[in-house]
């Protein structure tokens, strides 16, 4: 008697998930190193986090090891590293409070999206847009450079300039992605309202047999079919918006 195998998207013990978990474990270590002013060790942890962030997505596609857990762990690790960096660098007066406020406000701006999308039947997720991922990577590049720029010397001065360039671009892309996620959500809401309004009309057409789909694309009179996929941009996978 054959046993039912675990669906690929439900797998937990995968190489990409292991890398994501290792990144999560590194978050408190990184914050402790920053506050202890062990900057070179902290930079090493950030380099590992950045490389593993790229590698886990690559391996998930190459090894066909995408999973629901990975879709949660990957953006969670990114957000926690950004949060830990903001806390550590703010305490050390390396970055100003206004930058922290702008980035936190962006996170709060997309909080209502998840319940809206979940209510529409999409599980509370939208495809991660390329703009959002690029903004996140810019910030992850910016923070170690700003940390390095807190030291003396020509290299530190150059790192500070480049770090602020990445920080400004990353913040702008971060907010641009938020606007794109809200536009995707608006399209889903409009589509859902249009589908509901077409319900009574689709069942009133003459010559349409019960149970057959009319021009509205429904499964039958008054019964909506499965929801269409959310509008997608360039994406790494179906995850919480970044």
Protein backbone atom coordinates (compact mmCIF):
# COMPACT_ATOMS: atom_id res chain seq x y z
CA UNK A 1 0.00 0.00 0.00
CA UNK A 2 1.56 3.29 -1.11
CA UNK A 3 1.80 6.21 1.26
CA UNK A 4 0.85 9.70 0.19
CA UNK A 5 3.95 11.79 -0.41
CA UNK A 6 4.27 15.27 0.97
CA UNK A 7 3.47 17.94 -1.61
CA UNK A 8 6.55 19.93 -2.70
CA UNK A 9 5.07 23.23 -1.52
CA UNK A 10 4.52 21.76 1.96
CA UNK A 11 8.10 20.58 2.49
CA UNK A 12 9.98 21.96 5.47
CA UNK A 13 13.43 20.35 5.42
CA UNK A 14 14.90 21.82 2.25
CA UNK A 15 18.23 23.46 1.46
CA UNK A 16 16.68 26.93 0.84
CA UNK A 17 14.71 26.76 4.10
CA UNK A 18 17.86 25.80 6.00
CA UNK A 19 19.65 28.86 4.61
CA UNK A 20 16.71 31.09 5.53
CA UNK A 21 16.68 29.71 9.08
CA UNK A 22 20.42 30.35 9.37
CA UNK A 23 19.80 33.96 8.33
CA UNK A 24 17.13 34.30 11.02
CA UNK A 25 19.50 32.95 13.67
CA UNK A 26 22.04 35.57 12.60
CA UNK A 27 19.69 38.51 13.32
CA UNK A 28 20.21 38.72 17.13
CA UNK A 29 23.91 37.92 16.66
CA UNK A 30 24.27 40.80 14.21
CA UNK A 31 22.48 43.25 16.54
CA UNK A 32 24.68 42.23 19.48
CA UNK A 33 27.84 42.68 17.39
CA UNK A 34 26.74 46.14 16.23
CA UNK A 35 25.97 47.31 19.76
CA UNK A 36 29.28 45.85 20.98
CA UNK A 37 30.99 47.81 18.15
CA UNK A 38 32.49 44.62 16.74
CA UNK A 39 31.90 46.09 13.31
CA UNK A 40 33.99 43.74 11.19
CA UNK A 41 32.25 40.68 12.62
CA UNK A 42 28.90 42.40 12.14
CA UNK A 43 29.80 43.12 8.51
CA UNK A 44 30.67 39.45 8.06
CA UNK A 45 27.22 38.43 9.31
CA UNK A 46 25.58 40.90 6.92
CA UNK A 47 27.63 39.61 3.98
CA UNK A 48 26.50 36.07 4.81
CA UNK A 49 22.89 37.25 5.05
CA UNK A 50 23.08 38.97 1.67
CA UNK A 51 24.68 35.99 -0.07
CA UNK A 52 22.25 33.50 1.46
CA UNK A 53 19.31 35.73 0.50
CA UNK A 54 20.36 35.46 -3.15
CA UNK A 55 21.34 31.79 -2.88
CA UNK A 56 18.17 30.44 -1.25
CA UNK A 57 15.96 31.79 -4.04
CA UNK A 58 18.34 30.46 -6.68
CA UNK A 59 18.49 27.00 -5.11
CA UNK A 60 14.72 26.89 -4.62
CA UNK A 61 14.25 27.24 -8.38
CA UNK A 62 17.15 25.04 -9.48
CA UNK A 63 16.37 22.20 -7.04
CA UNK A 64 12.59 22.63 -7.35
CA UNK A 65 12.35 23.11 -3.58
CA UNK A 66 9.92 26.01 -3.38
CA UNK A 67 7.70 25.84 -0.31
CA UNK A 68 5.10 27.81 1.62
CA UNK A 69 7.48 27.99 4.59
CA UNK A 70 10.21 29.44 2.39
CA UNK A 71 7.79 32.07 1.08
CA UNK A 72 7.32 33.20 4.70
CA UNK A 73 10.90 32.84 5.96
CA UNK A 74 12.58 34.77 3.14
CA UNK A 75 10.78 38.14 3.52
CA UNK A 76 10.68 37.71 7.32
CA UNK A 77 14.47 37.42 7.44
CA UNK A 78 14.86 40.50 5.22
CA UNK A 79 12.56 42.57 7.42
CA UNK A 80 14.22 41.45 10.65
CA UNK A 81 17.70 42.28 9.34
CA UNK A 82 16.52 45.72 8.28
CA UNK A 83 14.85 46.24 11.67
CA UNK A 84 17.92 45.06 13.60
CA UNK A 85 20.15 47.31 11.51
CA UNK A 86 17.90 50.32 12.02
CA UNK A 87 17.88 49.76 15.78
CA UNK A 88 21.64 49.22 16.05
CA UNK A 89 22.72 52.06 13.75
CA UNK A 90 20.23 54.49 15.31
CA UNK A 91 21.50 53.75 18.83
CA UNK A 92 25.03 54.40 17.60
CA UNK A 93 23.94 57.64 15.83
CA UNK A 94 25.07 56.37 12.43
CA UNK A 95 21.69 56.95 10.76
CA UNK A 96 19.16 59.69 11.60
CA UNK A 97 15.72 59.14 13.08
CA UNK A 98 13.99 60.54 9.99
CA UNK A 99 15.23 57.60 7.89
CA UNK A 100 13.91 55.16 10.49
CA UNK A 101 10.54 56.96 10.49
CA UNK A 102 10.28 56.85 6.67
CA UNK A 103 11.04 53.12 6.50
CA UNK A 104 8.74 52.20 9.39
CA UNK A 105 5.95 54.29 7.83
CA UNK A 106 6.33 52.31 4.61
CA UNK A 107 5.89 49.02 6.48
CA UNK A 108 2.78 50.38 8.21
CA UNK A 109 1.43 51.59 4.85
CA UNK A 110 1.17 48.06 3.45
CA UNK A 111 -0.19 46.39 6.61
CA UNK A 112 -3.87 46.66 5.48
CA UNK A 113 -3.14 44.86 2.19
CA UNK A 114 -2.95 41.36 3.69
CA UNK A 115 -6.47 41.28 5.23
CA UNK A 116 -7.99 42.82 2.09
CA UNK A 117 -6.36 40.26 -0.21
CA UNK A 118 -7.21 37.42 2.19
CA UNK A 119 -10.86 38.48 2.21
CA UNK A 120 -10.86 38.28 -1.59
CA UNK A 121 -9.69 34.67 -1.42
CA UNK A 122 -5.98 34.95 -2.25
CA UNK A 123 -4.56 33.79 1.08
CA UNK A 124 -3.27 37.21 2.11
CA UNK A 125 -0.35 37.21 -0.34
CA UNK A 126 0.67 39.11 -3.45
CA UNK A 127 3.52 38.31 -5.83
CA UNK A 128 6.74 40.00 -4.75
CA UNK A 129 7.49 42.72 -7.28
CA UNK A 130 10.95 43.21 -8.72
CA UNK A 131 10.90 46.84 -7.55
CA UNK A 132 10.29 45.77 -3.96
CA UNK A 133 13.05 43.17 -4.04
CA UNK A 134 15.47 45.69 -5.56
CA UNK A 135 14.63 48.24 -2.87
CA UNK A 136 15.26 45.67 -0.15
CA UNK A 137 18.62 44.72 -1.66
CA UNK A 138 19.63 48.39 -1.91
CA UNK A 139 18.94 48.84 1.80
CA UNK A 140 20.82 45.65 2.66
CA UNK A 141 23.80 47.03 0.71
CA UNK A 142 23.45 50.49 2.26
CA UNK A 143 23.57 49.55 5.92
CA UNK A 144 26.92 47.71 6.00
CA UNK A 145 28.47 50.53 3.96
CA UNK A 146 27.13 53.11 6.42
CA UNK A 147 28.49 51.00 9.26
CA UNK A 148 31.88 50.93 7.56
CA UNK A 149 31.62 54.67 6.92
CA UNK A 150 31.52 55.32 10.66
CA UNK A 151 35.28 54.72 10.77
CA UNK A 152 38.19 56.93 9.72
CA UNK A 153 40.08 56.97 6.44
CA UNK A 154 39.49 57.38 2.73
CA UNK A 155 37.83 53.98 2.36
CA UNK A 156 35.38 54.81 5.14
CA UNK A 157 34.56 58.18 3.54
CA UNK A 158 33.87 56.53 0.18
CA UNK A 159 31.78 53.82 1.85
CA UNK A 160 29.67 56.48 3.57
CA UNK A 161 28.90 58.27 0.29
CA UNK A 162 28.06 55.03 -1.54
CA UNK A 163 26.05 53.79 1.45
CA UNK A 164 23.87 56.90 1.51
CA UNK A 165 23.33 56.57 -2.25
CA UNK A 166 22.05 53.02 -1.77
CA UNK A 167 19.94 54.14 1.22
CA UNK A 168 18.22 56.91 -0.74
CA UNK A 169 17.57 54.73 -3.78
CA UNK A 170 16.42 51.83 -1.61
CA UNK A 171 13.99 54.01 0.34
CA UNK A 172 12.53 55.43 -2.86
CA UNK A 173 12.10 51.98 -4.42
CA UNK A 174 10.64 50.70 -1.14
CA UNK A 175 7.86 53.29 -1.32
CA UNK A 176 7.39 52.78 -5.06
CA UNK A 177 6.83 49.07 -4.41
CA UNK A 178 4.26 49.94 -1.74
CA UNK A 179 2.34 52.01 -4.32
CA UNK A 180 2.48 49.10 -6.79
CA UNK A 181 1.14 46.67 -4.16
CA UNK A 182 -1.76 49.00 -3.42
CA UNK A 183 -2.48 49.27 -7.16
CA UNK A 184 -2.51 45.47 -7.42
CA UNK A 185 -4.90 45.34 -4.48
CA UNK A 186 -7.16 47.97 -6.07
CA UNK A 187 -7.34 45.91 -9.28
CA UNK A 188 -8.34 42.82 -7.30
CA UNK A 189 -11.08 44.73 -5.46
CA UNK A 190 -12.44 46.17 -8.73
CA UNK A 191 -12.39 42.73 -10.36
CA UNK A 192 -14.21 41.19 -7.39
CA UNK A 193 -16.91 43.88 -7.47
CA UNK A 194 -17.35 43.45 -11.22
CA UNK A 195 -17.69 39.70 -10.80
CA UNK A 196 -20.33 40.14 -8.09
CA UNK A 197 -22.30 42.63 -10.17
CA UNK A 198 -22.27 40.30 -13.18
CA UNK A 199 -23.73 37.43 -11.14
CA UNK A 200 -27.47 38.16 -11.51
CA UNK A 201 -27.07 39.18 -15.16
CA UNK A 202 -25.23 36.01 -16.13
CA UNK A 203 -28.09 33.83 -14.93
CA UNK A 204 -30.74 35.86 -16.74
CA UNK A 205 -29.44 35.28 -20.29
CA UNK A 206 -31.81 33.38 -22.57
CA UNK A 207 -30.71 30.07 -24.00
CA UNK A 208 -28.12 29.46 -21.31
CA UNK A 209 -28.36 26.06 -19.71
CA UNK A 210 -28.06 25.84 -15.91
CA UNK A 211 -24.52 24.96 -14.88
CA UNK A 212 -22.97 26.32 -18.09
CA UNK A 213 -20.68 29.32 -17.93
CA UNK A 214 -21.91 32.44 -19.68
CA UNK A 215 -19.87 35.29 -21.04
CA UNK A 216 -19.05 36.36 -17.51
CA UNK A 217 -16.85 33.25 -17.12
CA UNK A 218 -18.70 31.92 -14.07
CA UNK A 219 -19.30 28.27 -13.23
CA UNK A 220 -23.05 28.68 -13.34
CA UNK A 221 -25.83 31.16 -12.54
CA UNK A 222 -24.93 33.02 -9.37
CA UNK A 223 -21.88 30.84 -8.64
CA UNK A 224 -18.47 32.49 -9.08
CA UNK A 225 -15.59 30.43 -10.39
CA UNK A 226 -12.20 30.30 -8.73
CA UNK A 227 -10.48 33.67 -8.33
CA UNK A 228 -7.98 34.68 -10.95
CA UNK A 229 -4.34 35.05 -10.03
CA UNK A 230 -3.39 38.43 -8.55
CA UNK A 231 -1.84 40.90 -10.99
CA UNK A 232 1.83 40.07 -10.99
CA UNK A 233 5.05 41.86 -11.71
CA UNK A 234 8.48 40.32 -11.87
CA UNK A 235 8.42 38.02 -8.91
CA UNK A 236 10.46 35.62 -6.87
CA UNK A 237 7.39 33.81 -5.62
CA UNK A 238 4.07 34.36 -3.95
CA UNK A 239 5.05 36.04 -0.73
CA UNK A 240 4.06 38.83 1.54
CA UNK A 241 4.77 42.19 -0.14
CA UNK A 242 8.17 43.61 0.62
